[in-house]
Amino acid sequence: MLAGLGPTAIAEGLGYDKSTISRDIKALCKEWQKEATHVVQTAKTIELRRIERAINAIWEEVTKGNMAAIDRYDKLGRRKDNLLGMNSAQKVELTGADGSAIKVEGFNAALKKVYGTKDEQVKTDEDGDDDES
């Protein structure tokens, strides 16, 4: 909110009802969201036009079978698909070095070994220095 203040503090500071301030904040946030959406959409449109121009520039070489041009066309197409949201989420499965499942037994014990328990962590004094120094 304004200067980090919440609706109650703003209402008290300006002498308005909290519900009025909350309603105004909601309206402002909605307007800002519309503006942000428009800015993002405009940026996407500009980028898509650039991609199309790049594709048009290499198209003749693509149709001639130029492998570098085909590779570039593929990369541009992937970029375009990403901008348009045409790529679905991909499931990724992590495995151990030998392809087997990653074991997580003893994970908490390993964390305690590395980081210690809350009681074992170094305490700091008021100026932020370690007590041990």
N, C-alpha and C. Protein backbone atom coordinates (compact mmCIF):
# COMPACT_ATOMS: atom_id res chain seq x y z
N MET A 1 0.83 -1.18 0.00
CA MET A 1 0.00 0.00 0.00
C MET A 1 0.88 1.24 0.00
N LEU A 2 0.24 2.37 0.04
CA LEU A 2 0.93 3.65 -0.01
C LEU A 2 1.93 3.74 1.13
N ALA A 3 3.21 3.89 0.80
CA ALA A 3 4.29 4.01 1.78
C ALA A 3 4.29 2.86 2.77
N GLY A 4 3.81 1.70 2.37
CA GLY A 4 3.82 0.52 3.23
C GLY A 4 2.70 0.50 4.25
N LEU A 5 1.78 1.41 4.17
CA LEU A 5 0.68 1.47 5.13
C LEU A 5 -0.48 0.61 4.65
N GLY A 6 -1.20 0.03 5.59
CA GLY A 6 -2.38 -0.75 5.27
C GLY A 6 -3.60 0.15 5.20
N PRO A 7 -4.75 -0.40 4.79
CA PRO A 7 -5.98 0.38 4.65
C PRO A 7 -6.41 1.10 5.93
N THR A 8 -6.24 0.46 7.07
CA THR A 8 -6.65 1.07 8.33
C THR A 8 -5.83 2.32 8.61
N ALA A 9 -4.51 2.22 8.47
CA ALA A 9 -3.64 3.37 8.74
C ALA A 9 -3.90 4.50 7.75
N ILE A 10 -4.13 4.15 6.49
CA ILE A 10 -4.42 5.16 5.48
C ILE A 10 -5.73 5.87 5.81
N ALA A 11 -6.75 5.07 6.15
CA ALA A 11 -8.06 5.64 6.49
C ALA A 11 -7.95 6.58 7.68
N GLU A 12 -7.24 6.14 8.71
CA GLU A 12 -7.07 6.99 9.89
C GLU A 12 -6.31 8.26 9.55
N GLY A 13 -5.26 8.14 8.74
CA GLY A 13 -4.43 9.29 8.38
C GLY A 13 -5.17 10.30 7.53
N LEU A 14 -6.08 9.83 6.68
CA LEU A 14 -6.81 10.73 5.78
C LEU A 14 -8.18 11.12 6.32
N GLY A 15 -8.62 10.42 7.37
CA GLY A 15 -9.92 10.72 7.94
C GLY A 15 -11.08 10.13 7.16
N TYR A 16 -10.84 9.01 6.47
CA TYR A 16 -11.89 8.34 5.72
C TYR A 16 -12.23 7.02 6.39
N ASP A 17 -13.35 6.45 5.97
CA ASP A 17 -13.76 5.14 6.46
C ASP A 17 -12.87 4.07 5.83
N LYS A 18 -12.55 3.05 6.61
CA LYS A 18 -11.67 1.98 6.12
C LYS A 18 -12.26 1.29 4.89
N SER A 19 -13.57 1.10 4.86
CA SER A 19 -14.19 0.42 3.72
C SER A 19 -14.03 1.24 2.43
N THR A 20 -14.07 2.55 2.54
CA THR A 20 -13.87 3.41 1.38
C THR A 20 -12.45 3.25 0.85
N ILE A 21 -11.49 3.27 1.77
CA ILE A 21 -10.08 3.11 1.37
C ILE A 21 -9.86 1.74 0.75
N SER A 22 -10.42 0.70 1.37
CA SER A 22 -10.27 -0.67 0.84
C SER A 22 -10.85 -0.77 -0.56
N ARG A 23 -12.02 -0.18 -0.76
CA ARG A 23 -12.67 -0.20 -2.08
C ARG A 23 -11.82 0.54 -3.11
N ASP A 24 -11.27 1.69 -2.70
CA ASP A 24 -10.42 2.46 -3.61
C ASP A 24 -9.14 1.71 -3.96
N ILE A 25 -8.57 1.05 -2.97
CA ILE A 25 -7.34 0.26 -3.21
C ILE A 25 -7.64 -0.86 -4.19
N LYS A 26 -8.78 -1.55 -4.00
CA LYS A 26 -9.16 -2.63 -4.92
C LYS A 26 -9.30 -2.09 -6.34
N ALA A 27 -9.95 -0.93 -6.47
CA ALA A 27 -10.15 -0.33 -7.79
C ALA A 27 -8.81 0.04 -8.42
N LEU A 28 -7.91 0.60 -7.63
CA LEU A 28 -6.58 0.95 -8.14
C LEU A 28 -5.81 -0.30 -8.59
N CYS A 29 -5.86 -1.32 -7.76
CA CYS A 29 -5.15 -2.56 -8.11
C CYS A 29 -5.71 -3.17 -9.39
N LYS A 30 -7.03 -3.11 -9.54
CA LYS A 30 -7.66 -3.64 -10.75
C LYS A 30 -7.20 -2.84 -11.98
N GLU A 31 -7.15 -1.52 -11.83
CA GLU A 31 -6.70 -0.66 -12.93
C GLU A 31 -5.23 -0.94 -13.27
N TRP A 32 -4.41 -1.07 -12.24
CA TRP A 32 -2.98 -1.37 -12.46
C TRP A 32 -2.82 -2.71 -13.14
N GLN A 33 -3.65 -3.68 -12.77
CA GLN A 33 -3.59 -5.00 -13.39
C GLN A 33 -3.94 -4.90 -14.87
N LYS A 34 -4.97 -4.12 -15.20
CA LYS A 34 -5.33 -3.92 -16.61
C LYS A 34 -4.18 -3.31 -17.38
N GLU A 35 -3.56 -2.28 -16.79
CA GLU A 35 -2.44 -1.61 -17.46
C GLU A 35 -1.27 -2.56 -17.65
N ALA A 36 -0.98 -3.34 -16.62
CA ALA A 36 0.13 -4.30 -16.71
C ALA A 36 -0.16 -5.35 -17.77
N THR A 37 -1.40 -5.83 -17.83
CA THR A 37 -1.79 -6.81 -18.83
C THR A 37 -1.63 -6.23 -20.23
N HIS A 38 -2.03 -4.97 -20.39
CA HIS A 38 -1.89 -4.31 -21.69
C HIS A 38 -0.41 -4.17 -22.09
N VAL A 39 0.43 -3.80 -21.13
CA VAL A 39 1.86 -3.65 -21.40
C VAL A 39 2.46 -4.99 -21.82
N VAL A 40 2.11 -6.05 -21.10
CA VAL A 40 2.63 -7.39 -21.43
C VAL A 40 2.13 -7.82 -22.81
N GLN A 41 0.85 -7.59 -23.09
CA GLN A 41 0.30 -7.97 -24.39
C GLN A 41 0.97 -7.20 -25.51
N THR A 42 1.24 -5.92 -25.29
CA THR A 42 1.93 -5.11 -26.29
C THR A 42 3.33 -5.64 -26.54
N ALA A 43 4.04 -5.97 -25.47
CA ALA A 43 5.39 -6.52 -25.60
C ALA A 43 5.37 -7.84 -26.36
N LYS A 44 4.39 -8.69 -26.07
CA LYS A 44 4.27 -9.96 -26.78
C LYS A 44 4.01 -9.73 -28.27
N THR A 45 3.13 -8.79 -28.57
CA THR A 45 2.82 -8.49 -29.96
C THR A 45 4.05 -8.02 -30.72
N ILE A 46 4.81 -7.13 -30.10
CA ILE A 46 6.04 -6.63 -30.72
C ILE A 46 7.02 -7.78 -30.97
N GLU A 47 7.19 -8.62 -29.96
CA GLU A 47 8.12 -9.74 -30.10
C GLU A 47 7.65 -10.73 -31.16
N LEU A 48 6.37 -11.00 -31.22
CA LEU A 48 5.83 -11.90 -32.24
C LEU A 48 6.07 -11.34 -33.64
N ARG A 49 5.89 -10.05 -33.80
CA ARG A 49 6.17 -9.42 -35.10
C ARG A 49 7.64 -9.56 -35.48
N ARG A 50 8.51 -9.39 -34.51
CA ARG A 50 9.95 -9.55 -34.79
C ARG A 50 10.27 -10.97 -35.21
N ILE A 51 9.67 -11.92 -34.52
CA ILE A 51 9.89 -13.33 -34.87
C ILE A 51 9.40 -13.60 -36.28
N GLU A 52 8.22 -13.09 -36.61
CA GLU A 52 7.67 -13.29 -37.96
C GLU A 52 8.58 -12.66 -39.02
N ARG A 53 9.11 -11.48 -38.75
CA ARG A 53 10.04 -10.83 -39.70
C ARG A 53 11.30 -11.68 -39.87
N ALA A 54 11.80 -12.23 -38.76
CA ALA A 54 13.00 -13.07 -38.84
C ALA A 54 12.71 -14.33 -39.66
N ILE A 55 11.55 -14.92 -39.43
CA ILE A 55 11.16 -16.12 -40.19
C ILE A 55 11.05 -15.78 -41.67
N ASN A 56 10.41 -14.66 -41.98
CA ASN A 56 10.28 -14.24 -43.39
C ASN A 56 11.65 -14.02 -44.03
N ALA A 57 12.59 -13.50 -43.25
CA ALA A 57 13.93 -13.22 -43.79
C ALA A 57 14.69 -14.49 -44.13
N ILE A 58 14.44 -15.57 -43.43
CA ILE A 58 15.19 -16.82 -43.68
C ILE A 58 14.38 -17.85 -44.46
N TRP A 59 13.12 -17.55 -44.74
CA TRP A 59 12.23 -18.56 -45.32
C TRP A 59 12.76 -19.15 -46.63
N GLU A 60 13.30 -18.33 -47.49
CA GLU A 60 13.80 -18.82 -48.77
C GLU A 60 14.90 -19.87 -48.55
N GLU A 61 15.79 -19.58 -47.60
CA GLU A 61 16.87 -20.54 -47.29
C GLU A 61 16.31 -21.82 -46.66
N VAL A 62 15.25 -21.67 -45.86
CA VAL A 62 14.61 -22.85 -45.26
C VAL A 62 14.06 -23.74 -46.36
N THR A 63 13.38 -23.15 -47.33
CA THR A 63 12.79 -23.95 -48.42
C THR A 63 13.83 -24.57 -49.33
N LYS A 64 15.05 -24.01 -49.33
CA LYS A 64 16.15 -24.58 -50.13
C LYS A 64 16.84 -25.72 -49.39
N GLY A 65 16.48 -25.93 -48.12
CA GLY A 65 17.08 -27.01 -47.35
C GLY A 65 18.32 -26.62 -46.58
N ASN A 66 18.60 -25.34 -46.46
CA ASN A 66 19.76 -24.87 -45.70
C ASN A 66 19.56 -25.27 -44.24
N MET A 67 20.42 -26.16 -43.76
CA MET A 67 20.24 -26.72 -42.41
C MET A 67 20.37 -25.66 -41.31
N ALA A 68 21.26 -24.70 -41.48
CA ALA A 68 21.39 -23.64 -40.47
C ALA A 68 20.11 -22.81 -40.42
N ALA A 69 19.54 -22.53 -41.59
CA ALA A 69 18.29 -21.76 -41.65
C ALA A 69 17.13 -22.57 -41.05
N ILE A 70 17.12 -23.87 -41.31
CA ILE A 70 16.08 -24.73 -40.75
C ILE A 70 16.19 -24.77 -39.23
N ASP A 71 17.42 -24.87 -38.74
CA ASP A 71 17.65 -24.87 -37.30
C ASP A 71 17.17 -23.56 -36.68
N ARG A 72 17.50 -22.45 -37.32
CA ARG A 72 17.07 -21.13 -36.83
C ARG A 72 15.55 -21.01 -36.86
N TYR A 73 14.94 -21.52 -37.94
CA TYR A 73 13.49 -21.51 -38.07
C TYR A 73 12.85 -22.28 -36.90
N ASP A 74 13.43 -23.43 -36.58
CA ASP A 74 12.92 -24.24 -35.48
C ASP A 74 13.00 -23.48 -34.16
N LYS A 75 14.13 -22.82 -33.92
CA LYS A 75 14.30 -22.05 -32.68
C LYS A 75 13.32 -20.89 -32.62
N LEU A 76 13.13 -20.20 -33.74
CA LEU A 76 12.18 -19.10 -33.78
C LEU A 76 10.75 -19.61 -33.55
N GLY A 77 10.44 -20.75 -34.12
CA GLY A 77 9.11 -21.34 -33.93
C GLY A 77 8.86 -21.71 -32.47
N ARG A 78 9.89 -22.24 -31.83
CA ARG A 78 9.75 -22.58 -30.40
C ARG A 78 9.53 -21.33 -29.56
N ARG A 79 10.26 -20.27 -29.89
CA ARG A 79 10.11 -19.01 -29.17
C ARG A 79 8.69 -18.47 -29.35
N LYS A 80 8.21 -18.55 -30.57
CA LYS A 80 6.86 -18.09 -30.87
C LYS A 80 5.83 -18.92 -30.10
N ASP A 81 5.99 -20.22 -30.10
CA ASP A 81 5.08 -21.10 -29.35
C ASP A 81 5.07 -20.76 -27.87
N ASN A 82 6.25 -20.48 -27.32
CA ASN A 82 6.33 -20.11 -25.90
C ASN A 82 5.57 -18.82 -25.61
N LEU A 83 5.75 -17.82 -26.47
CA LEU A 83 5.06 -16.55 -26.28
C LEU A 83 3.54 -16.72 -26.36
N LEU A 84 3.10 -17.62 -27.22
CA LEU A 84 1.67 -17.84 -27.40
C LEU A 84 1.10 -18.83 -26.38
N GLY A 85 1.97 -19.40 -25.54
CA GLY A 85 1.51 -20.35 -24.53
C GLY A 85 1.09 -21.68 -25.10
N MET A 86 1.69 -22.07 -26.20
CA MET A 86 1.29 -23.30 -26.88
C MET A 86 2.00 -24.54 -26.36
N ASN A 87 3.02 -24.34 -25.53
CA ASN A 87 3.75 -25.49 -24.99
C ASN A 87 3.15 -25.87 -23.65
N SER A 88 2.76 -27.11 -23.53
CA SER A 88 2.19 -27.56 -22.26
C SER A 88 3.32 -27.86 -21.28
N ALA A 89 2.96 -27.89 -20.02
CA ALA A 89 3.95 -28.21 -18.99
C ALA A 89 4.47 -29.62 -19.22
N GLN A 90 5.74 -29.81 -18.94
CA GLN A 90 6.34 -31.12 -19.11
C GLN A 90 6.65 -31.72 -17.75
N LYS A 91 6.37 -33.00 -17.62
CA LYS A 91 6.65 -33.70 -16.39
C LYS A 91 8.13 -34.09 -16.40
N VAL A 92 8.82 -33.77 -15.32
CA VAL A 92 10.23 -34.11 -15.20
C VAL A 92 10.40 -35.04 -14.02
N GLU A 93 11.09 -36.13 -14.24
CA GLU A 93 11.33 -37.08 -13.17
C GLU A 93 12.82 -37.13 -12.87
N LEU A 94 13.15 -36.88 -11.62
CA LEU A 94 14.56 -36.90 -11.22
C LEU A 94 14.93 -38.30 -10.75
N THR A 95 16.14 -38.72 -11.13
CA THR A 95 16.62 -40.03 -10.70
C THR A 95 18.04 -39.90 -10.19
N GLY A 96 18.48 -40.94 -9.54
CA GLY A 96 19.85 -40.99 -9.07
C GLY A 96 20.80 -41.18 -10.24
N ALA A 97 22.10 -41.18 -9.96
CA ALA A 97 23.13 -41.29 -11.00
C ALA A 97 22.97 -42.56 -11.84
N ASP A 98 22.51 -43.64 -11.22
CA ASP A 98 22.36 -44.91 -11.94
C ASP A 98 20.96 -45.09 -12.53
N GLY A 99 20.13 -44.04 -12.47
CA GLY A 99 18.78 -44.11 -13.01
C GLY A 99 17.74 -44.58 -12.02
N SER A 100 18.19 -44.95 -10.82
CA SER A 100 17.24 -45.41 -9.81
C SER A 100 16.62 -44.23 -9.07
N ALA A 101 15.64 -44.52 -8.24
CA ALA A 101 14.96 -43.47 -7.47
C ALA A 101 15.94 -42.82 -6.49
N ILE A 102 15.74 -41.55 -6.26
CA ILE A 102 16.56 -40.83 -5.28
C ILE A 102 15.99 -41.13 -3.90
N LYS A 103 16.84 -41.57 -3.01
CA LYS A 103 16.40 -41.91 -1.66
C LYS A 103 16.48 -40.67 -0.77
N VAL A 104 15.45 -40.46 0.02
CA VAL A 104 15.42 -39.30 0.90
C VAL A 104 15.40 -39.70 2.37
N GLU A 105 15.59 -40.99 2.63
CA GLU A 105 15.64 -41.42 4.03
C GLU A 105 16.80 -40.72 4.72
N GLY A 106 16.57 -40.32 5.94
CA GLY A 106 17.62 -39.66 6.69
C GLY A 106 17.83 -38.21 6.29
N PHE A 107 16.92 -37.65 5.51
CA PHE A 107 17.07 -36.28 5.04
C PHE A 107 17.10 -35.31 6.21
N ASN A 108 16.17 -35.46 7.15
CA ASN A 108 16.14 -34.58 8.31
C ASN A 108 17.42 -34.71 9.14
N ALA A 109 17.90 -35.93 9.28
CA ALA A 109 19.13 -36.14 10.04
C ALA A 109 20.31 -35.46 9.34
N ALA A 110 20.34 -35.53 8.02
CA ALA A 110 21.41 -34.89 7.26
C ALA A 110 21.35 -33.37 7.42
N LEU A 111 20.15 -32.82 7.39
CA LEU A 111 20.01 -31.38 7.60
C LEU A 111 20.50 -30.97 8.98
N LYS A 112 20.14 -31.75 9.99
CA LYS A 112 20.58 -31.44 11.35
C LYS A 112 22.10 -31.51 11.45
N LYS A 113 22.68 -32.49 10.74
CA LYS A 113 24.13 -32.64 10.76
C LYS A 113 24.81 -31.42 10.15
N VAL A 114 24.25 -30.91 9.07
CA VAL A 114 24.84 -29.76 8.39
C VAL A 114 24.55 -28.47 9.13
N TYR A 115 23.29 -28.27 9.51
CA TYR A 115 22.89 -26.99 10.08
C TYR A 115 22.77 -26.99 11.60
N GLY A 116 22.79 -28.15 12.20
CA GLY A 116 22.63 -28.23 13.65
C GLY A 116 21.17 -28.04 14.03
N THR A 117 20.90 -28.22 15.29
CA THR A 117 19.54 -27.99 15.78
C THR A 117 19.42 -26.53 16.16
N LYS A 118 18.22 -26.10 16.45
CA LYS A 118 17.98 -24.71 16.81
C LYS A 118 18.82 -24.32 18.03
N ASP A 119 18.96 -25.23 18.98
CA ASP A 119 19.73 -24.95 20.19
C ASP A 119 21.22 -24.83 19.91
N GLU A 120 21.70 -25.52 18.86
CA GLU A 120 23.13 -25.51 18.56
C GLU A 120 23.55 -24.35 17.66
N GLN A 121 22.59 -23.63 17.07
CA GLN A 121 22.94 -22.54 16.18
C GLN A 121 23.59 -21.42 16.96
N VAL A 122 24.52 -20.73 16.32
CA VAL A 122 25.26 -19.66 16.98
C VAL A 122 24.31 -18.51 17.28
N LYS A 123 24.32 -18.05 18.51
CA LYS A 123 23.50 -16.92 18.90
C LYS A 123 24.28 -15.65 18.63
N THR A 124 23.56 -14.56 18.34
CA THR A 124 24.21 -13.28 18.09
C THR A 124 23.80 -12.30 19.17
N ASP A 125 24.73 -11.39 19.49
CA ASP A 125 24.38 -10.37 20.48
C ASP A 125 23.68 -9.22 19.77
N GLU A 126 23.38 -8.15 20.47
CA GLU A 126 22.55 -7.09 19.93
C GLU A 126 23.19 -6.36 18.75
N ASP A 127 24.52 -6.29 18.66
CA ASP A 127 25.14 -5.60 17.54
C ASP A 127 25.36 -6.54 16.35
N GLY A 128 24.89 -7.80 16.45
CA GLY A 128 24.94 -8.72 15.32
C GLY A 128 26.21 -9.54 15.25
N ASP A 129 27.16 -9.34 16.16
CA ASP A 129 28.38 -10.12 16.15
C ASP A 129 28.14 -11.46 16.84
N ASP A 130 28.93 -12.47 16.47
CA ASP A 130 28.83 -13.76 17.14
C ASP A 130 29.27 -13.60 18.57
N ASP A 131 28.62 -14.34 19.48
CA ASP A 131 28.98 -14.30 20.89
C ASP A 131 30.40 -14.78 21.12
N GLU A 132 30.88 -15.66 20.23
CA GLU A 132 32.18 -16.26 20.43
C GLU A 132 33.33 -15.31 20.15
N SER A 133 33.10 -14.16 19.49
CA SER A 133 34.20 -13.27 19.13
C SER A 133 34.49 -12.25 20.18
